Amino acid sequence: MKIETEYAVQMLIEILFEKGLLNQETYLNVMKEMNRNEQQKAA
């Protein structure tokens, strides 16, 4: 079973945010950057 790196990073960031170990601003910045990277890969 192979897990994509981007998916694993996204899940870890979400877990850290849910546990209160990551503030909302940082969480949103990371998610925006990940979405931007995904869009660039698709183009």
C-alpha atoms as a PDB file:
ATOM      1  CA  MET A   1       0.000   0.000   0.000  1.00  0.00           C
ATOM      2  CA  LYS A   2       1.432   3.356  -1.034  1.00  0.00           C
ATOM      3  CA  ILE A   3       0.325   6.623   0.538  1.00  0.00           C
ATOM      4  CA  GLU A   4       0.945   9.792  -1.425  1.00  0.00           C
ATOM      5  CA  THR A   5       3.192  12.248   0.396  1.00  0.00           C
ATOM      6  CA  GLU A   6       0.854  15.192  -0.169  1.00  0.00           C
ATOM      7  CA  TYR A   7      -2.079  13.276   1.319  1.00  0.00           C
ATOM      8  CA  ALA A   8      -0.047  12.244   4.366  1.00  0.00           C
ATOM      9  CA  VAL A   9       1.103  15.827   4.952  1.00  0.00           C
ATOM     10  CA  GLN A  10      -2.464  17.118   4.652  1.00  0.00           C
ATOM     11  CA  MET A  11      -3.741  14.563   7.168  1.00  0.00           C
ATOM     12  CA  LEU A  12      -0.945  15.367   9.638  1.00  0.00           C
ATOM     13  CA  ILE A  13      -1.624  19.105   9.370  1.00  0.00           C
ATOM     14  CA  GLU A  14      -5.342  18.523   9.976  1.00  0.00           C
ATOM     15  CA  ILE A  15      -4.621  16.338  13.016  1.00  0.00           C
ATOM     16  CA  LEU A  16      -2.263  18.940  14.487  1.00  0.00           C
ATOM     17  CA  PHE A  17      -4.890  21.641  13.962  1.00  0.00           C
ATOM     18  CA  GLU A  18      -7.662  19.542  15.528  1.00  0.00           C
ATOM     19  CA  LYS A  19      -5.461  18.822  18.560  1.00  0.00           C
ATOM     20  CA  GLY A  20      -4.786  22.533  19.020  1.00  0.00           C
ATOM     21  CA  LEU A  21      -1.096  22.217  18.197  1.00  0.00           C
ATOM     22  CA  LEU A  22      -1.404  24.453  15.142  1.00  0.00           C
ATOM     23  CA  ASN A  23      -3.158  27.810  15.118  1.00  0.00           C
ATOM     24  CA  GLN A  24      -5.837  28.627  12.553  1.00  0.00           C
ATOM     25  CA  GLU A  25      -3.749  31.139  10.602  1.00  0.00           C
ATOM     26  CA  THR A  26      -0.916  28.661  10.107  1.00  0.00           C
ATOM     27  CA  TYR A  27      -3.365  25.892   9.197  1.00  0.00           C
ATOM     28  CA  LEU A  28      -5.067  28.063   6.572  1.00  0.00           C
ATOM     29  CA  ASN A  29      -1.731  29.212   5.123  1.00  0.00           C
ATOM     30  CA  VAL A  30      -0.505  25.635   4.778  1.00  0.00           C
ATOM     31  CA  MET A  31      -3.758  24.486   3.178  1.00  0.00           C
ATOM     32  CA  LYS A  32      -3.733  27.414   0.712  1.00  0.00           C
ATOM     33  CA  GLU A  33      -0.137  26.639  -0.254  1.00  0.00           C
ATOM     34  CA  MET A  34      -0.922  22.955  -0.728  1.00  0.00           C
ATOM     35  CA  ASN A  35      -3.915  23.805  -2.929  1.00  0.00           C
ATOM     36  CA  ARG A  36      -1.775  26.209  -4.970  1.00  0.00           C
ATOM     37  CA  ASN A  37       0.845  23.485  -5.459  1.00  0.00           C
ATOM     38  CA  GLU A  38      -1.786  20.958  -6.543  1.00  0.00           C
ATOM     39  CA  GLN A  39      -3.207  23.393  -9.085  1.00  0.00           C
ATOM     40  CA  GLN A  40       0.260  24.066 -10.504  1.00  0.00           C
ATOM     41  CA  LYS A  41       0.934  20.335 -10.867  1.00  0.00           C
ATOM     42  CA  ALA A  42      -2.372  19.871 -12.699  1.00  0.00           C
ATOM     43  CA  ALA A  43      -1.596  22.675 -15.170  1.00  0.00           C
END
